[in-house]
């Protein structure tokens, strides 16, 4: 049987403060609220076709197999500008590094 997978659906995150997380993802990543169901909020970035769902709860770092989530950007200068934008929003952003011959910004 061929895989029925059509593509990436969403990433769901447990967060301590849903509203603060929604505000941050909207401001820092340019996401929009797609839907709200009680305390669960789905955010969408139309151009990237990415959906992040945030729900209340204590993050379980020991249980998560996710190392990082990669977002594609146009080029190195765009990535540097985005890193600067994130720093201005209070995020502790590491330096852009070379990963497999391409600029990479790894947020953890």
PDB file of N, CA and C in Angstrom:
ATOM      1  N   UNK A   1       0.837  -1.181   0.000  1.00  0.00           N
ATOM      2  CA  UNK A   1       0.000   0.000   0.000  1.00  0.00           C
ATOM      3  C   UNK A   1       0.881   1.243   0.000  1.00  0.00           C
ATOM      4  N   UNK A   2       0.544   2.202  -0.831  1.00  0.00           N
ATOM      5  CA  UNK A   2       1.251   3.473  -0.825  1.00  0.00           C
ATOM      6  C   UNK A   2       0.817   4.285   0.380  1.00  0.00           C
ATOM      7  N   UNK A   3       1.724   5.116   0.855  1.00  0.00           N
ATOM      8  CA  UNK A   3       1.407   5.958   2.007  1.00  0.00           C
ATOM      9  C   UNK A   3       0.275   6.925   1.670  1.00  0.00           C
ATOM     10  N   UNK A   4      -0.703   7.060   2.571  1.00  0.00           N
ATOM     11  CA  UNK A   4      -1.788   8.007   2.348  1.00  0.00           C
ATOM     12  C   UNK A   4      -1.438   9.432   2.793  1.00  0.00           C
ATOM     13  N   UNK A   5      -0.235   9.598   3.343  1.00  0.00           N
ATOM     14  CA  UNK A   5       0.156  10.913   3.858  1.00  0.00           C
ATOM     15  C   UNK A   5       0.245  11.918   2.719  1.00  0.00           C
ATOM     16  N   UNK A   6      -0.424  13.048   2.891  1.00  0.00           N
ATOM     17  CA  UNK A   6      -0.447  14.093   1.868  1.00  0.00           C
ATOM     18  C   UNK A   6       0.529  15.218   2.163  1.00  0.00           C
ATOM     19  N   UNK A   7       0.959  15.349   3.401  1.00  0.00           N
ATOM     20  CA  UNK A   7       1.873  16.423   3.778  1.00  0.00           C
ATOM     21  C   UNK A   7       1.809  16.663   5.269  1.00  0.00           C
ATOM     22  N   UNK A   8       2.461  17.701   5.711  1.00  0.00           N
ATOM     23  CA  UNK A   8       2.488  18.064   7.118  1.00  0.00           C
ATOM     24  C   UNK A   8       1.134  18.649   7.510  1.00  0.00           C
ATOM     25  N   UNK A   9       0.572  18.202   8.626  1.00  0.00           N
ATOM     26  CA  UNK A   9      -0.725  18.701   9.075  1.00  0.00           C
ATOM     27  C   UNK A   9      -0.564  19.826  10.088  1.00  0.00           C
ATOM     28  N   UNK A  10       0.014  19.519  11.244  1.00  0.00           N
ATOM     29  CA  UNK A  10       0.183  20.539  12.271  1.00  0.00           C
ATOM     30  C   UNK A  10       1.169  20.069  13.324  1.00  0.00           C
ATOM     31  N   UNK A  11       1.591  20.989  14.146  1.00  0.00           N
ATOM     32  CA  UNK A  11       2.407  20.707  15.315  1.00  0.00           C
ATOM     33  C   UNK A  11       1.589  21.153  16.517  1.00  0.00           C
ATOM     34  N   UNK A  12       1.388  20.281  17.490  1.00  0.00           N
ATOM     35  CA  UNK A  12       0.627  20.660  18.681  1.00  0.00           C
ATOM     36  C   UNK A  12       1.585  20.820  19.847  1.00  0.00           C
ATOM     37  N   UNK A  13       1.441  21.922  20.565  1.00  0.00           N
ATOM     38  CA  UNK A  13       2.303  22.244  21.690  1.00  0.00           C
ATOM     39  C   UNK A  13       1.483  22.418  22.958  1.00  0.00           C
ATOM     40  N   UNK A  14       1.960  21.848  24.059  1.00  0.00           N
ATOM     41  CA  UNK A  14       1.380  22.122  25.371  1.00  0.00           C
ATOM     42  C   UNK A  14       2.116  23.330  25.929  1.00  0.00           C
ATOM     43  N   UNK A  15       1.375  24.336  26.333  1.00  0.00           N
ATOM     44  CA  UNK A  15       1.982  25.574  26.827  1.00  0.00           C
ATOM     45  C   UNK A  15       1.344  25.977  28.150  1.00  0.00           C
ATOM     46  N   UNK A  16       2.102  26.693  28.973  1.00  0.00           N
ATOM     47  CA  UNK A  16       1.583  27.147  30.268  1.00  0.00           C
ATOM     48  C   UNK A  16       0.562  28.263  30.111  1.00  0.00           C
ATOM     49  N   UNK A  17       0.761  29.136  29.118  1.00  0.00           N
ATOM     50  CA  UNK A  17      -0.103  30.299  28.934  1.00  0.00           C
ATOM     51  C   UNK A  17      -0.511  30.375  27.463  1.00  0.00           C
ATOM     52  N   UNK A  18      -1.700  29.880  27.153  1.00  0.00           N
ATOM     53  CA  UNK A  18      -2.164  29.817  25.764  1.00  0.00           C
ATOM     54  C   UNK A  18      -2.212  31.204  25.136  1.00  0.00           C
ATOM     55  N   UNK A  19      -2.809  32.168  25.822  1.00  0.00           N
ATOM     56  CA  UNK A  19      -2.963  33.511  25.235  1.00  0.00           C
ATOM     57  C   UNK A  19      -1.604  34.154  24.961  1.00  0.00           C
ATOM     58  N   UNK A  20      -0.661  34.041  25.891  1.00  0.00           N
ATOM     59  CA  UNK A  20       0.675  34.606  25.670  1.00  0.00           C
ATOM     60  C   UNK A  20       1.360  33.916  24.499  1.00  0.00           C
ATOM     61  N   UNK A  21       1.188  32.606  24.385  1.00  0.00           N
ATOM     62  CA  UNK A  21       1.791  31.867  23.274  1.00  0.00           C
ATOM     63  C   UNK A  21       1.175  32.275  21.946  1.00  0.00           C
ATOM     64  N   UNK A  22      -0.146  32.418  21.916  1.00  0.00           N
ATOM     65  CA  UNK A  22      -0.825  32.859  20.695  1.00  0.00           C
ATOM     66  C   UNK A  22      -0.299  34.227  20.283  1.00  0.00           C
ATOM     67  N   UNK A  23      -0.217  35.146  21.239  1.00  0.00           N
ATOM     68  CA  UNK A  23       0.285  36.489  20.930  1.00  0.00           C
ATOM     69  C   UNK A  23       1.704  36.444  20.388  1.00  0.00           C
ATOM     70  N   UNK A  24       2.554  35.601  20.991  1.00  0.00           N
ATOM     71  CA  UNK A  24       3.946  35.512  20.548  1.00  0.00           C
ATOM     72  C   UNK A  24       4.042  34.941  19.133  1.00  0.00           C
ATOM     73  N   UNK A  25       3.379  33.825  18.871  1.00  0.00           N
ATOM     74  CA  UNK A  25       3.454  33.216  17.539  1.00  0.00           C
ATOM     75  C   UNK A  25       2.886  34.143  16.467  1.00  0.00           C
ATOM     76  N   UNK A  26       1.847  34.877  16.794  1.00  0.00           N
ATOM     77  CA  UNK A  26       1.284  35.825  15.823  1.00  0.00           C
ATOM     78  C   UNK A  26       2.259  36.963  15.549  1.00  0.00           C
ATOM     79  N   UNK A  27       2.862  37.519  16.602  1.00  0.00           N
ATOM     80  CA  UNK A  27       3.775  38.649  16.437  1.00  0.00           C
ATOM     81  C   UNK A  27       5.119  38.225  15.855  1.00  0.00           C
ATOM     82  N   UNK A  28       5.680  37.124  16.342  1.00  0.00           N
ATOM     83  CA  UNK A  28       7.024  36.724  15.931  1.00  0.00           C
ATOM     84  C   UNK A  28       7.057  35.988  14.600  1.00  0.00           C
ATOM     85  N   UNK A  29       6.044  35.168  14.338  1.00  0.00           N
ATOM     86  CA  UNK A  29       6.051  34.354  13.122  1.00  0.00           C
ATOM     87  C   UNK A  29       5.032  34.803  12.088  1.00  0.00           C
ATOM     88  N   UNK A  30       4.229  35.804  12.417  1.00  0.00           N
ATOM     89  CA  UNK A  30       3.237  36.294  11.466  1.00  0.00           C
ATOM     90  C   UNK A  30       2.072  35.346  11.263  1.00  0.00           C
ATOM     91  N   UNK A  31       1.740  34.574  12.293  1.00  0.00           N
ATOM     92  CA  UNK A  31       0.643  33.622  12.184  1.00  0.00           C
ATOM     93  C   UNK A  31      -0.679  34.306  12.494  1.00  0.00           C
ATOM     94  N   UNK A  32      -1.770  33.692  12.056  1.00  0.00           N
ATOM     95  CA  UNK A  32      -3.120  34.174  12.314  1.00  0.00           C
ATOM     96  C   UNK A  32      -3.898  33.088  13.038  1.00  0.00           C
ATOM     97  N   UNK A  33      -4.852  33.500  13.855  1.00  0.00           N
ATOM     98  CA  UNK A  33      -5.722  32.529  14.519  1.00  0.00           C
ATOM     99  C   UNK A  33      -6.637  31.920  13.463  1.00  0.00           C
ATOM    100  N   UNK A  34      -6.583  30.604  13.352  1.00  0.00           N
ATOM    101  CA  UNK A  34      -7.401  29.870  12.397  1.00  0.00           C
ATOM    102  C   UNK A  34      -8.712  29.442  13.046  1.00  0.00           C
ATOM    103  N   UNK A  35      -8.618  28.947  14.286  1.00  0.00           N
ATOM    104  CA  UNK A  35      -9.819  28.544  15.014  1.00  0.00           C
ATOM    105  C   UNK A  35      -9.512  28.460  16.499  1.00  0.00           C
ATOM    106  N   UNK A  36     -10.562  28.579  17.293  1.00  0.00           N
ATOM    107  CA  UNK A  36     -10.452  28.442  18.745  1.00  0.00           C
ATOM    108  C   UNK A  36     -11.552  27.504  19.216  1.00  0.00           C
ATOM    109  N   UNK A  37     -11.169  26.538  20.032  1.00  0.00           N
ATOM    110  CA  UNK A  37     -12.116  25.586  20.610  1.00  0.00           C
ATOM    111  C   UNK A  37     -11.821  25.520  22.100  1.00  0.00           C
ATOM    112  N   UNK A  38     -12.531  26.325  22.884  1.00  0.00           N
ATOM    113  CA  UNK A  38     -12.236  26.395  24.312  1.00  0.00           C
ATOM    114  C   UNK A  38     -10.849  26.973  24.522  1.00  0.00           C
ATOM    115  N   UNK A  39     -10.004  26.222  25.236  1.00  0.00           N
ATOM    116  CA  UNK A  39      -8.640  26.667  25.512  1.00  0.00           C
ATOM    117  C   UNK A  39      -7.649  26.295  24.412  1.00  0.00           C
ATOM    118  N   UNK A  40      -8.097  25.635  23.379  1.00  0.00           N
ATOM    119  CA  UNK A  40      -7.208  25.183  22.303  1.00  0.00           C
ATOM    120  C   UNK A  40      -7.320  26.147  21.126  1.00  0.00           C
ATOM    121  N   UNK A  41      -6.168  26.632  20.658  1.00  0.00           N
ATOM    122  CA  UNK A  41      -6.148  27.602  19.568  1.00  0.00           C
ATOM    123  C   UNK A  41      -5.271  27.064  18.441  1.00  0.00           C
ATOM    124  N   UNK A  42      -5.802  27.086  17.232  1.00  0.00           N
ATOM    125  CA  UNK A  42      -5.034  26.688  16.048  1.00  0.00           C
ATOM    126  C   UNK A  42      -4.575  27.958  15.335  1.00  0.00           C
ATOM    127  N   UNK A  43      -3.291  28.028  15.062  1.00  0.00           N
ATOM    128  CA  UNK A  43      -2.693  29.163  14.366  1.00  0.00           C
ATOM    129  C   UNK A  43      -2.237  28.712  12.994  1.00  0.00           C
ATOM    130  N   UNK A  44      -2.343  29.611  12.014  1.00  0.00           N
ATOM    131  CA  UNK A  44      -1.977  29.239  10.646  1.00  0.00           C
ATOM    132  C   UNK A  44      -1.072  30.314  10.054  1.00  0.00           C
ATOM    133  N   UNK A  45      -0.076  29.833   9.323  1.00  0.00           N
ATOM    134  CA  UNK A  45       0.758  30.718   8.506  1.00  0.00           C
ATOM    135  C   UNK A  45       0.464  30.313   7.072  1.00  0.00           C
ATOM    136  N   UNK A  46      -0.319  31.118   6.381  1.00  0.00           N
ATOM    137  CA  UNK A  46      -0.825  30.738   5.048  1.00  0.00           C
ATOM    138  C   UNK A  46       0.284  30.459   4.035  1.00  0.00           C
ATOM    139  N   UNK A  47       1.261  31.354   3.949  1.00  0.00           N
ATOM    140  CA  UNK A  47       2.297  31.178   2.929  1.00  0.00           C
ATOM    141  C   UNK A  47       3.096  29.895   3.146  1.00  0.00           C
ATOM    142  N   UNK A  48       3.387  29.582   4.395  1.00  0.00           N
ATOM    143  CA  UNK A  48       4.179  28.389   4.699  1.00  0.00           C
ATOM    144  C   UNK A  48       3.322  27.134   4.813  1.00  0.00           C
ATOM    145  N   UNK A  49       2.009  27.298   4.793  1.00  0.00           N
ATOM    146  CA  UNK A  49       1.077  26.178   4.972  1.00  0.00           C
ATOM    147  C   UNK A  49       1.371  25.418   6.265  1.00  0.00           C
ATOM    148  N   UNK A  50       1.617  26.166   7.314  1.00  0.00           N
ATOM    149  CA  UNK A  50       1.961  25.588   8.605  1.00  0.00           C
ATOM    150  C   UNK A  50       0.858  25.886   9.604  1.00  0.00           C
ATOM    151  N   UNK A  51       0.514  24.885  10.401  1.00  0.00           N
ATOM    152  CA  UNK A  51      -0.459  25.064  11.473  1.00  0.00           C
ATOM    153  C   UNK A  51       0.196  24.637  12.781  1.00  0.00           C
ATOM    154  N   UNK A  52       0.135  25.516  13.773  1.00  0.00           N
ATOM    155  CA  UNK A  52       0.587  25.197  15.122  1.00  0.00           C
ATOM    156  C   UNK A  52      -0.635  25.286  16.022  1.00  0.00           C
ATOM    157  N   UNK A  53      -0.882  24.222  16.779  1.00  0.00           N
ATOM    158  CA  UNK A  53      -2.000  24.187  17.714  1.00  0.00           C
ATOM    159  C   UNK A  53      -1.421  24.311  19.118  1.00  0.00           C
ATOM    160  N   UNK A  54      -1.916  25.268  19.897  1.00  0.00           N
ATOM    161  CA  UNK A  54      -1.464  25.415  21.277  1.00  0.00           C
ATOM    162  C   UNK A  54      -2.612  25.068  22.211  1.00  0.00           C
ATOM    163  N   UNK A  55      -2.271  24.295  23.240  1.00  0.00           N
ATOM    164  CA  UNK A  55      -3.273  23.883  24.216  1.00  0.00           C
ATOM    165  C   UNK A  55      -2.659  23.995  25.605  1.00  0.00           C
ATOM    166  N   UNK A  56      -3.493  24.179  26.619  1.00  0.00           N
ATOM    167  CA  UNK A  56      -2.962  24.356  27.966  1.00  0.00           C
ATOM    168  C   UNK A  56      -2.384  23.063  28.519  1.00  0.00           C
ATOM    169  N   UNK A  57      -1.331  23.209  29.288  1.00  0.00           N
ATOM    170  CA  UNK A  57      -0.718  22.062  29.930  1.00  0.00           C
ATOM    171  C   UNK A  57       0.734  22.335  30.224  1.00  0.00           C
ATOM    172  N   UNK A  58       1.323  21.477  31.020  1.00  0.00           N
ATOM    173  CA  UNK A  58       2.742  21.583  31.327  1.00  0.00           C
ATOM    174  C   UNK A  58       3.534  20.876  30.233  1.00  0.00           C
ATOM    175  N   UNK A  59       4.451  21.576  29.590  1.00  0.00           N
ATOM    176  CA  UNK A  59       5.279  20.926  28.576  1.00  0.00           C
ATOM    177  C   UNK A  59       6.069  19.782  29.204  1.00  0.00           C
ATOM    178  N   UNK A  60       6.100  18.639  28.549  1.00  0.00           N
ATOM    179  CA  UNK A  60       6.841  17.473  29.032  1.00  0.00           C
ATOM    180  C   UNK A  60       8.075  17.301  28.165  1.00  0.00           C
ATOM    181  N   UNK A  61       9.131  18.025  28.518  1.00  0.00           N
ATOM    182  CA  UNK A  61      10.353  18.024  27.715  1.00  0.00           C
ATOM    183  C   UNK A  61      10.967  16.635  27.649  1.00  0.00           C
ATOM    184  N   UNK A  62      10.893  15.875  28.733  1.00  0.00           N
ATOM    185  CA  UNK A  62      11.494  14.546  28.755  1.00  0.00           C
ATOM    186  C   UNK A  62      10.808  13.588  27.791  1.00  0.00           C
ATOM    187  N   UNK A  63       9.551  13.819  27.489  1.00  0.00           N
ATOM    188  CA  UNK A  63       8.775  12.916  26.642  1.00  0.00           C
ATOM    189  C   UNK A  63       8.865  13.245  25.164  1.00  0.00           C
ATOM    190  N   UNK A  64       9.191  14.460  24.827  1.00  0.00           N
ATOM    191  CA  UNK A  64       9.124  14.902  23.434  1.00  0.00           C
ATOM    192  C   UNK A  64      10.318  14.439  22.609  1.00  0.00           C
ATOM    193  N   UNK A  65      10.061  13.850  21.451  1.00  0.00           N
ATOM    194  CA  UNK A  65      11.148  13.456  20.565  1.00  0.00           C
ATOM    195  C   UNK A  65      11.563  14.581  19.612  1.00  0.00           C
ATOM    196  N   UNK A  66      10.913  15.734  19.692  1.00  0.00           N
ATOM    197  CA  UNK A  66      11.206  16.818  18.752  1.00  0.00           C
ATOM    198  C   UNK A  66      12.480  17.534  19.162  1.00  0.00           C
ATOM    199  N   UNK A  67      13.430  17.622  18.247  1.00  0.00           N
ATOM    200  CA  UNK A  67      14.659  18.378  18.480  1.00  0.00           C
ATOM    201  C   UNK A  67      14.442  19.831  18.116  1.00  0.00           C
ATOM    202  N   UNK A  68      13.932  20.059  16.914  1.00  0.00           N
ATOM    203  CA  UNK A  68      13.577  21.417  16.501  1.00  0.00           C
ATOM    204  C   UNK A  68      12.634  21.343  15.315  1.00  0.00           C
ATOM    205  N   UNK A  69      11.972  22.441  15.068  1.00  0.00           N
ATOM    206  CA  UNK A  69      11.068  22.563  13.931  1.00  0.00           C
ATOM    207  C   UNK A  69      11.713  23.535  12.967  1.00  0.00           C
ATOM    208  N   UNK A  70      11.793  23.182  11.711  1.00  0.00           N
ATOM    209  CA  UNK A  70      12.472  24.024  10.727  1.00  0.00           C
ATOM    210  C   UNK A  70      11.468  24.791   9.879  1.00  0.00           C
ATOM    211  N   UNK A  71      11.706  26.084   9.757  1.00  0.00           N
ATOM    212  CA  UNK A  71      10.928  26.943   8.876  1.00  0.00           C
ATOM    213  C   UNK A  71      11.825  27.343   7.717  1.00  0.00           C
ATOM    214  N   UNK A  72      11.296  27.378   6.526  1.00  0.00           N
ATOM    215  CA  UNK A  72      12.070  27.785   5.357  1.00  0.00           C
ATOM    216  C   UNK A  72      11.963  29.294   5.172  1.00  0.00           C
ATOM    217  N   UNK A  73      13.085  29.920   4.836  1.00  0.00           N
ATOM    218  CA  UNK A  73      13.103  31.344   4.485  1.00  0.00           C
ATOM    219  C   UNK A  73      13.869  31.489   3.174  1.00  0.00           C
ATOM    220  N   UNK A  74      13.802  32.666   2.578  1.00  0.00           N
ATOM    221  CA  UNK A  74      14.363  32.870   1.240  1.00  0.00           C
ATOM    222  C   UNK A  74      15.878  32.717   1.185  1.00  0.00           C
ATOM    223  N   UNK A  75      16.604  33.299   2.157  1.00  0.00           N
ATOM    224  CA  UNK A  75      18.067  33.288   2.080  1.00  0.00           C
ATOM    225  C   UNK A  75      18.670  33.685   3.424  1.00  0.00           C
ATOM    226  N   UNK A  76      20.007  33.694   3.483  1.00  0.00           N
ATOM    227  CA  UNK A  76      20.721  34.031   4.712  1.00  0.00           C
ATOM    228  C   UNK A  76      20.397  35.410   5.261  1.00  0.00           C
ATOM    229  N   UNK A  77      20.414  36.462   4.428  1.00  0.00           N
ATOM    230  CA  UNK A  77      20.078  37.790   4.948  1.00  0.00           C
ATOM    231  C   UNK A  77      18.660  37.861   5.533  1.00  0.00           C
ATOM    232  N   UNK A  78      17.724  37.165   4.921  1.00  0.00           N
ATOM    233  CA  UNK A  78      16.359  37.131   5.450  1.00  0.00           C
ATOM    234  C   UNK A  78      16.350  36.457   6.816  1.00  0.00           C
ATOM    235  N   UNK A  79      17.122  35.382   6.952  1.00  0.00           N
ATOM    236  CA  UNK A  79      17.208  34.667   8.223  1.00  0.00           C
ATOM    237  C   UNK A  79      17.828  35.555   9.300  1.00  0.00           C
ATOM    238  N   UNK A  80      18.885  36.284   8.951  1.00  0.00           N
ATOM    239  CA  UNK A  80      19.522  37.204   9.902  1.00  0.00           C
ATOM    240  C   UNK A  80      18.529  38.276  10.354  1.00  0.00           C
ATOM    241  N   UNK A  81      17.754  38.816   9.416  1.00  0.00           N
ATOM    242  CA  UNK A  81      16.767  39.844   9.751  1.00  0.00           C
ATOM    243  C   UNK A  81      15.690  39.275  10.673  1.00  0.00           C
ATOM    244  N   UNK A  82      15.268  38.039  10.411  1.00  0.00           N
ATOM    245  CA  UNK A  82      14.258  37.402  11.249  1.00  0.00           C
ATOM    246  C   UNK A  82      14.804  37.167  12.654  1.00  0.00           C
ATOM    247  N   UNK A  83      16.069  36.720  12.743  1.00  0.00           N
ATOM    248  CA  UNK A  83      16.699  36.511  14.052  1.00  0.00           C
ATOM    249  C   UNK A  83      16.702  37.815  14.847  1.00  0.00           C
ATOM    250  N   UNK A  84      17.016  38.909  14.187  1.00  0.00           N
ATOM    251  CA  UNK A  84      17.007  40.218  14.838  1.00  0.00           C
ATOM    252  C   UNK A  84      15.597  40.573  15.319  1.00  0.00           C
ATOM    253  N   UNK A  85      14.614  40.309  14.483  1.00  0.00           N
ATOM    254  CA  UNK A  85      13.208  40.563  14.838  1.00  0.00           C
ATOM    255  C   UNK A  85      12.819  39.766  16.086  1.00  0.00           C
ATOM    256  N   UNK A  86      13.223  38.506  16.160  1.00  0.00           N
ATOM    257  CA  UNK A  86      12.892  37.666  17.308  1.00  0.00           C
ATOM    258  C   UNK A  86      13.587  38.165  18.570  1.00  0.00           C
ATOM    259  N   UNK A  87      14.847  38.608  18.444  1.00  0.00           N
ATOM    260  CA  UNK A  87      15.566  39.161  19.597  1.00  0.00           C
ATOM    261  C   UNK A  87      14.848  40.401  20.130  1.00  0.00           C
ATOM    262  N   UNK A  88      14.360  41.238  19.219  1.00  0.00           N
ATOM    263  CA  UNK A  88      13.623  42.443  19.625  1.00  0.00           C
ATOM    264  C   UNK A  88      12.354  42.093  20.394  1.00  0.00           C
ATOM    265  N   UNK A  89      11.820  40.907  20.167  1.00  0.00           N
ATOM    266  CA  UNK A  89      10.618  40.447  20.864  1.00  0.00           C
ATOM    267  C   UNK A  89      10.964  39.732  22.166  1.00  0.00           C
ATOM    268  N   UNK A  90      12.244  39.748  22.544  1.00  0.00           N
ATOM    269  CA  UNK A  90      12.650  39.198  23.826  1.00  0.00           C
ATOM    270  C   UNK A  90      13.096  37.757  23.820  1.00  0.00           C
ATOM    271  N   UNK A  91      13.214  37.141  22.663  1.00  0.00           N
ATOM    272  CA  UNK A  91      13.641  35.750  22.599  1.00  0.00           C
ATOM    273  C   UNK A  91      15.161  35.672  22.624  1.00  0.00           C
ATOM    274  N   UNK A  92      15.700  34.732  23.385  1.00  0.00           N
ATOM    275  CA  UNK A  92      17.143  34.499  23.427  1.00  0.00           C
ATOM    276  C   UNK A  92      17.504  33.683  22.191  1.00  0.00           C
ATOM    277  N   UNK A  93      17.927  34.370  21.146  1.00  0.00           N
ATOM    278  CA  UNK A  93      18.170  33.741  19.852  1.00  0.00           C
ATOM    279  C   UNK A  93      19.667  33.516  19.657  1.00  0.00           C
ATOM    280  N   UNK A  94      20.068  32.284  19.363  1.00  0.00           N
ATOM    281  CA  UNK A  94      21.485  32.027  19.107  1.00  0.00           C
ATOM    282  C   UNK A  94      21.901  32.600  17.756  1.00  0.00           C
ATOM    283  N   UNK A  95      23.182  32.526  17.492  1.00  0.00           N
ATOM    284  CA  UNK A  95      23.691  33.004  16.207  1.00  0.00           C
ATOM    285  C   UNK A  95      23.243  32.072  15.086  1.00  0.00           C
ATOM    286  N   UNK A  96      23.129  32.630  13.908  1.00  0.00           N
ATOM    287  CA  UNK A  96      22.849  31.824  12.718  1.00  0.00           C
ATOM    288  C   UNK A  96      24.092  30.988  12.445  1.00  0.00           C
ATOM    289  N   UNK A  97      23.904  29.697  12.205  1.00  0.00           N
ATOM    290  CA  UNK A  97      25.017  28.782  11.958  1.00  0.00           C
ATOM    291  C   UNK A  97      24.848  28.113  10.598  1.00  0.00           C
ATOM    292  N   UNK A  98      25.898  27.468  10.139  1.00  0.00           N
ATOM    293  CA  UNK A  98      25.842  26.702   8.900  1.00  0.00           C
ATOM    294  C   UNK A  98      25.412  25.283   9.240  1.00  0.00           C
ATOM    295  N   UNK A  99      24.357  24.813   8.604  1.00  0.00           N
ATOM    296  CA  UNK A  99      23.907  23.437   8.789  1.00  0.00           C
ATOM    297  C   UNK A  99      23.715  22.821   7.416  1.00  0.00           C
ATOM    298  N   UNK A 100      24.529  21.843   7.119  1.00  0.00           N
ATOM    299  CA  UNK A 100      24.468  21.155   5.830  1.00  0.00           C
ATOM    300  C   UNK A 100      24.605  22.130   4.659  1.00  0.00           C
ATOM    301  N   UNK A 101      25.473  23.136   4.843  1.00  0.00           N
ATOM    302  CA  UNK A 101      25.741  24.081   3.769  1.00  0.00           C
ATOM    303  C   UNK A 101      24.737  25.203   3.632  1.00  0.00           C
ATOM    304  N   UNK A 102      23.812  25.312   4.580  1.00  0.00           N
ATOM    305  CA  UNK A 102      22.795  26.368   4.516  1.00  0.00           C
ATOM    306  C   UNK A 102      22.714  27.075   5.863  1.00  0.00           C
ATOM    307  N   UNK A 103      22.347  28.374   5.849  1.00  0.00           N
ATOM    308  CA  UNK A 103      22.204  29.075   7.123  1.00  0.00           C
ATOM    309  C   UNK A 103      21.038  28.503   7.921  1.00  0.00           C
ATOM    310  N   UNK A 104      21.249  28.385   9.234  1.00  0.00           N
ATOM    311  CA  UNK A 104      20.240  27.778  10.097  1.00  0.00           C
ATOM    312  C   UNK A 104      20.157  28.551  11.408  1.00  0.00           C
ATOM    313  N   UNK A 105      18.961  28.726  11.891  1.00  0.00           N
ATOM    314  CA  UNK A 105      18.705  29.353  13.184  1.00  0.00           C
ATOM    315  C   UNK A 105      17.910  28.341  13.987  1.00  0.00           C
ATOM    316  N   UNK A 106      18.532  27.771  15.010  1.00  0.00           N
ATOM    317  CA  UNK A 106      17.890  26.690  15.751  1.00  0.00           C
ATOM    318  C   UNK A 106      17.382  27.189  17.089  1.00  0.00           C
ATOM    319  N   UNK A 107      16.071  27.272  17.201  1.00  0.00           N
ATOM    320  CA  UNK A 107      15.414  27.735  18.414  1.00  0.00           C
ATOM    321  C   UNK A 107      14.959  26.527  19.214  1.00  0.00           C
ATOM    322  N   UNK A 108      15.309  26.514  20.465  1.00  0.00           N
ATOM    323  CA  UNK A 108      14.922  25.385  21.322  1.00  0.00           C
ATOM    324  C   UNK A 108      14.278  25.905  22.570  1.00  0.00           C
TER     325      UNK A 108
END
